[in-house]
Amino acid sequence: MAESDFGVDIEEMGRVFDEADVIVLRFHVIAQRLLLDMRAAPSDLPLIRLVPPVNNAEERYRYLERERPGMPLPDQITVVGWPRYVQVMQDTGLWQRITDRLLRQGGPDMQQYCDEAYREVRAAERAEVAAAIRGGEGYESLWERVASR
């Protein structure tokens, strides 16, 4: 799969999912971010969660400190933009790389969390697209239905 097909280097993004400890994945359609904290400890599984956007890195570090009090703060947070729908991430095998990494780090219990996160991202995308089509909050319809005479 060529980079030009998807607007990103699929192999490089896969390497990020394989190697980075904490990743914030930005999607093109939804405001929420997918937070991936691959770190695990005996009492802490890795984390995969749809989270609200923040204004800066400091806020994200504070979020991690609050949500993962037993884990030290990471040295860095890698932010990755995904310019397509999450289904394309599934189709290219990138979602499987995320899942595989989380399973390696946290064991088979992580599968349910990965599946749930995928469903949440898909649902958020569908809701946002539907709002755009209907002219929902934050959107203006380009056309209006004309009342029958």
Protein backbone atom coordinates (compact mmCIF):
# COMPACT_ATOMS: atom_id res chain seq x y z
CA MET A 1 0.00 0.00 0.00
CA ALA A 2 1.53 3.23 -1.14
CA GLU A 3 1.62 6.35 0.98
CA SER A 4 -0.18 8.26 -1.77
CA ASP A 5 -3.17 5.93 -1.40
CA PHE A 6 -3.82 6.95 2.21
CA GLY A 7 -1.96 10.22 2.83
CA VAL A 8 0.32 8.58 5.40
CA ASP A 9 3.22 6.15 5.44
CA ILE A 10 1.46 3.00 6.64
CA GLU A 11 4.68 1.18 7.54
CA GLU A 12 6.05 4.13 9.51
CA MET A 13 2.77 4.50 11.39
CA GLY A 14 2.89 0.77 12.14
CA ARG A 15 6.37 1.19 13.60
CA VAL A 16 5.06 3.96 15.85
CA PHE A 17 2.32 1.63 17.12
CA ASP A 18 4.93 -1.09 17.67
CA GLU A 19 7.45 1.08 19.53
CA ALA A 20 6.01 4.22 21.18
CA ASP A 21 4.90 3.95 24.80
CA VAL A 22 2.14 6.58 24.78
CA ILE A 23 0.32 7.60 21.60
CA VAL A 24 -2.46 10.08 20.99
CA LEU A 25 -4.24 9.29 17.75
CA ARG A 26 -6.08 12.21 16.12
CA PHE A 27 -8.85 11.39 13.64
CA HIS A 28 -9.96 13.66 10.83
CA VAL A 29 -13.71 13.43 11.50
CA ILE A 30 -14.08 13.43 15.29
CA ALA A 31 -12.72 15.77 17.93
CA GLN A 32 -12.00 13.00 20.44
CA ARG A 33 -8.58 11.36 20.49
CA LEU A 34 -7.66 7.73 20.96
CA LEU A 35 -5.21 7.49 23.83
CA LEU A 36 -2.95 4.44 23.73
CA ASP A 37 -0.76 3.89 26.76
CA MET A 38 1.10 0.69 26.00
CA ARG A 39 2.81 0.58 29.39
CA ALA A 40 1.78 -2.13 31.82
CA ALA A 41 2.56 -2.99 35.42
CA PRO A 42 1.47 -5.93 37.59
CA SER A 43 -1.59 -3.98 38.76
CA ASP A 44 -2.09 -1.83 35.63
CA LEU A 45 -3.11 -3.03 32.19
CA PRO A 46 -2.25 -0.88 29.17
CA LEU A 47 -4.85 1.73 28.30
CA ILE A 48 -6.88 2.27 25.12
CA ARG A 49 -9.53 4.94 25.48
CA LEU A 50 -11.35 7.60 23.49
CA VAL A 51 -10.61 10.88 25.28
CA PRO A 52 -11.47 14.55 24.78
CA PRO A 53 -8.91 16.81 23.09
CA VAL A 54 -6.70 19.00 25.26
CA ASN A 55 -5.14 22.40 24.65
CA ASN A 56 -1.52 21.38 25.18
CA ALA A 57 0.84 18.60 26.19
CA GLU A 58 0.81 19.68 29.83
CA GLU A 59 -2.93 19.00 30.04
CA ARG A 60 -2.43 15.53 28.53
CA TYR A 61 0.30 14.75 31.06
CA ARG A 62 -2.04 15.86 33.87
CA TYR A 63 -4.75 13.62 32.41
CA LEU A 64 -2.37 10.64 32.43
CA GLU A 65 -1.30 11.44 35.98
CA ARG A 66 -4.95 11.45 37.09
CA GLU A 67 -6.03 8.35 35.12
CA ARG A 68 -2.93 6.23 35.73
CA PRO A 69 -1.73 7.20 39.21
CA GLY A 70 0.32 4.03 39.59
CA MET A 71 2.33 4.68 36.43
CA PRO A 72 5.17 7.18 36.12
CA LEU A 73 4.66 9.93 33.57
CA PRO A 74 6.04 8.97 30.16
CA ASP A 75 9.14 10.69 28.78
CA GLN A 76 7.13 11.66 25.72
CA ILE A 77 3.70 11.40 24.16
CA THR A 78 3.66 10.67 20.44
CA VAL A 79 0.83 12.39 18.55
CA VAL A 80 -0.23 10.82 15.26
CA GLY A 81 -2.84 12.11 12.82
CA TRP A 82 -5.02 9.67 10.90
CA PRO A 83 -6.55 11.35 7.82
CA ARG A 84 -9.08 8.62 6.99
CA TYR A 85 -11.90 6.74 8.68
CA VAL A 86 -10.99 4.14 11.30
CA GLN A 87 -12.33 1.42 8.96
CA VAL A 88 -9.40 2.19 6.65
CA MET A 89 -7.09 1.71 9.62
CA GLN A 90 -8.70 -1.71 10.05
CA ASP A 91 -8.42 -2.49 6.33
CA THR A 92 -4.70 -1.59 6.20
CA GLY A 93 -3.87 -3.77 9.21
CA LEU A 94 -2.89 -0.82 11.43
CA TRP A 95 -5.68 -1.46 13.93
CA GLN A 96 -4.46 -5.05 14.20
CA ARG A 97 -0.96 -3.77 15.00
CA ILE A 98 -2.41 -1.68 17.83
CA THR A 99 -4.35 -4.70 19.10
CA ASP A 100 -1.35 -7.02 18.81
CA ARG A 101 0.83 -4.62 20.79
CA LEU A 102 -1.75 -4.19 23.52
CA LEU A 103 -2.21 -7.96 23.74
CA ARG A 104 1.58 -8.44 24.04
CA GLN A 105 1.78 -5.81 26.77
CA GLY A 106 -1.37 -6.68 28.73
CA GLY A 107 -2.44 -10.19 27.79
CA PRO A 108 -5.64 -11.59 26.29
CA ASP A 109 -7.94 -9.45 28.47
CA MET A 110 -6.94 -6.48 26.30
CA GLN A 111 -8.90 -7.83 23.32
CA GLN A 112 -12.23 -6.68 24.76
CA TYR A 113 -10.85 -3.18 25.39
CA CYS A 114 -9.52 -2.96 21.82
CA ASP A 115 -12.85 -4.12 20.38
CA GLU A 116 -14.77 -1.66 22.54
CA ALA A 117 -12.51 1.25 21.56
CA TYR A 118 -12.92 0.39 17.88
CA ARG A 119 -16.73 0.35 18.23
CA GLU A 120 -16.64 3.70 20.08
CA VAL A 121 -14.51 5.38 17.41
CA ARG A 122 -16.74 3.99 14.63
CA ALA A 123 -19.88 5.17 16.43
CA ALA A 124 -18.41 8.65 17.00
CA GLU A 125 -17.47 8.89 13.32
CA ARG A 126 -20.94 7.80 12.18
CA ALA A 127 -22.60 10.30 14.53
CA GLU A 128 -20.38 13.13 13.29
CA VAL A 129 -21.00 12.32 9.62
CA ALA A 130 -24.75 12.11 10.26
CA ALA A 131 -24.67 15.50 12.01
CA ALA A 132 -22.81 17.00 9.07
CA ILE A 133 -25.36 15.63 6.61
CA ARG A 134 -28.34 16.80 8.66
CA GLY A 135 -26.83 20.20 9.42
CA GLY A 136 -26.54 19.39 13.12
CA GLU A 137 -24.84 21.51 15.76
CA GLY A 138 -21.69 23.07 14.35
CA TYR A 139 -22.74 22.43 10.76
CA GLU A 140 -24.75 24.33 8.20
CA SER A 141 -26.81 22.53 5.63
CA LEU A 142 -26.03 23.49 2.05
CA TRP A 143 -29.63 22.91 1.09
CA GLU A 144 -32.99 22.93 2.74
CA ARG A 145 -36.02 20.81 1.98
CA VAL A 146 -38.63 22.88 0.18
CA ALA A 147 -42.10 22.52 1.67
CA SER A 148 -44.64 20.90 -0.67
CA ARG A 149 -47.24 23.27 -1.99
